C-alpha atoms as a PDB file:
ATOM      1  CA  MET A   1       0.000   0.000   0.000  1.00  0.00           C
ATOM      2  CA  LYS A   2       2.889   2.369   0.720  1.00  0.00           C
ATOM      3  CA  ILE A   3       4.330   1.968  -2.757  1.00  0.00           C
ATOM      4  CA  LEU A   4       0.914   2.654  -4.297  1.00  0.00           C
ATOM      5  CA  LYS A   5       0.561   5.853  -2.249  1.00  0.00           C
ATOM      6  CA  LYS A   6       4.030   6.978  -3.309  1.00  0.00           C
ATOM      7  CA  ILE A   7       3.298   6.339  -6.976  1.00  0.00           C
ATOM      8  CA  LEU A   8      -0.085   8.070  -6.838  1.00  0.00           C
ATOM      9  CA  ALA A   9       1.309  11.067  -4.944  1.00  0.00           C
ATOM     10  CA  LEU A  10       4.092  11.394  -7.496  1.00  0.00           C
ATOM     11  CA  LEU A  11       1.691  11.139 -10.440  1.00  0.00           C
ATOM     12  CA  PHE A  12      -0.811  13.614  -9.012  1.00  0.00           C
ATOM     13  CA  LEU A  13       1.867  16.126  -8.073  1.00  0.00           C
ATOM     14  CA  SER A  14       3.787  15.732 -11.332  1.00  0.00           C
ATOM     15  CA  PHE A  15       0.622  16.550 -13.255  1.00  0.00           C
ATOM     16  CA  GLY A  16      -0.821  19.176 -10.931  1.00  0.00           C
ATOM     17  CA  LEU A  17       2.159  21.355 -10.054  1.00  0.00           C
ATOM     18  CA  PRO A  18       3.546  22.188 -13.516  1.00  0.00           C
ATOM     19  CA  PHE A  19       0.123  22.874 -14.978  1.00  0.00           C
ATOM     20  CA  SER A  20      -0.827  24.946 -11.935  1.00  0.00           C
ATOM     21  CA  PHE A  21       2.247  27.108 -12.429  1.00  0.00           C
ATOM     22  CA  TYR A  22       1.492  27.446 -16.118  1.00  0.00           C
ATOM     23  CA  ALA A  23      -2.135  28.409 -15.441  1.00  0.00           C
ATOM     24  CA  LEU A  24      -1.041  30.955 -12.845  1.00  0.00           C
ATOM     25  CA  TRP A  25       1.448  32.362 -15.336  1.00  0.00           C
ATOM     26  CA  GLU A  26      -1.301  32.743 -17.928  1.00  0.00           C
ATOM     27  CA  ILE A  27      -3.628  34.373 -15.407  1.00  0.00           C
ATOM     28  CA  THR A  28      -1.081  36.923 -14.189  1.00  0.00           C
ATOM     29  CA  ASN A  29       0.464  37.692 -17.582  1.00  0.00           C
ATOM     30  CA  PRO A  30      -0.884  41.073 -18.735  1.00  0.00           C
ATOM     31  CA  ALA A  31      -0.357  40.147 -22.402  1.00  0.00           C
ATOM     32  CA  THR A  32      -2.753  37.191 -22.170  1.00  0.00           C
ATOM     33  CA  PRO A  33      -6.095  37.832 -23.889  1.00  0.00           C
ATOM     34  CA  THR A  34      -9.167  37.792 -21.634  1.00  0.00           C
ATOM     35  CA  GLU A  35     -10.547  34.687 -23.300  1.00  0.00           C
ATOM     36  CA  ASP A  36      -7.347  32.724 -22.630  1.00  0.00           C
ATOM     37  CA  ARG A  37      -7.181  34.049 -19.077  1.00  0.00           C
ATOM     38  CA  GLU A  38     -10.706  32.764 -18.378  1.00  0.00           C
ATOM     39  CA  GLY A  39      -9.727  29.376 -19.781  1.00  0.00           C
ATOM     40  CA  ALA A  40      -6.645  29.295 -17.559  1.00  0.00           C
ATOM     41  CA  VAL A  41      -8.775  30.069 -14.491  1.00  0.00           C
ATOM     42  CA  ALA A  42     -11.149  27.254 -15.383  1.00  0.00           C
ATOM     43  CA  ALA A  43      -8.278  24.822 -15.954  1.00  0.00           C
ATOM     44  CA  LEU A  44      -6.705  25.841 -12.672  1.00  0.00           C
ATOM     45  CA  LEU A  45      -9.884  25.345 -10.667  1.00  0.00           C
ATOM     46  CA  ILE A  46     -11.201  22.230 -12.380  1.00  0.00           C
ATOM     47  CA  LEU A  47      -8.068  20.259 -13.267  1.00  0.00           C
ATOM     48  CA  THR A  48      -4.848  21.297 -11.624  1.00  0.00           C
ATOM     49  CA  LEU A  49      -5.799  22.319  -8.088  1.00  0.00           C
ATOM     50  CA  PRO A  50      -7.640  19.069  -7.278  1.00  0.00           C
ATOM     51  CA  PHE A  51      -4.735  16.977  -8.599  1.00  0.00           C
ATOM     52  CA  THR A  52      -2.227  19.034  -6.625  1.00  0.00           C
ATOM     53  CA  ALA A  53      -4.347  18.852  -3.473  1.00  0.00           C
ATOM     54  CA  ILE A  54      -4.775  15.083  -3.701  1.00  0.00           C
ATOM     55  CA  GLY A  55      -1.059  14.556  -4.341  1.00  0.00           C
ATOM     56  CA  GLY A  56      -0.143  16.853  -1.468  1.00  0.00           C
ATOM     57  CA  TRP A  57      -2.562  15.111   0.861  1.00  0.00           C
ATOM     58  CA  LEU A  58      -1.146  11.688  -0.056  1.00  0.00           C
ATOM     59  CA  ALA A  59       2.418  12.902   0.527  1.00  0.00           C
ATOM     60  CA  TRP A  60       1.443  14.495   3.859  1.00  0.00           C
ATOM     61  CA  ASP A  61      -0.361  11.315   4.935  1.00  0.00           C
ATOM     62  CA  MET A  62       2.726   9.216   4.164  1.00  0.00           C
ATOM     63  CA  ALA A  63       4.870  11.567   6.248  1.00  0.00           C
ATOM     64  CA  GLN A  64       2.406  11.330   9.143  1.00  0.00           C
ATOM     65  CA  GLU A  65       2.414   7.516   8.935  1.00  0.00           C
ATOM     66  CA  GLN A  66       6.214   7.542   9.018  1.00  0.00           C
ATOM     67  CA  ARG A  67       6.171   9.729  12.149  1.00  0.00           C
ATOM     68  CA  ARG A  68       3.629   7.490  13.833  1.00  0.00           C
ATOM     69  CA  CYS A  69       5.754   4.432  13.131  1.00  0.00           C
ATOM     70  CA  LEU A  70       8.857   6.130  14.556  1.00  0.00           C
ATOM     71  CA  ILE A  71       7.019   7.176  17.727  1.00  0.00           C
ATOM     72  CA  GLN A  72       5.619   3.683  18.347  1.00  0.00           C
ATOM     73  CA  VAL A  73       9.044   2.022  18.184  1.00  0.00           C
END
């Protein structure tokens, strides 16, 4: 189960983080047309933030499990 969590966390974060940064770049870039900016906001909210949040939660949960195991020993 640990290896599955590691793989999933890596996959979610490797998809979510780069696209989140790209969407944020498009949103904050003043040269981006309004239509593209609205699309970047939608992509950020619908696709990238959930993937990043799930990957971050999985990574945080693995770290908490590791701490619990160290405390119990």
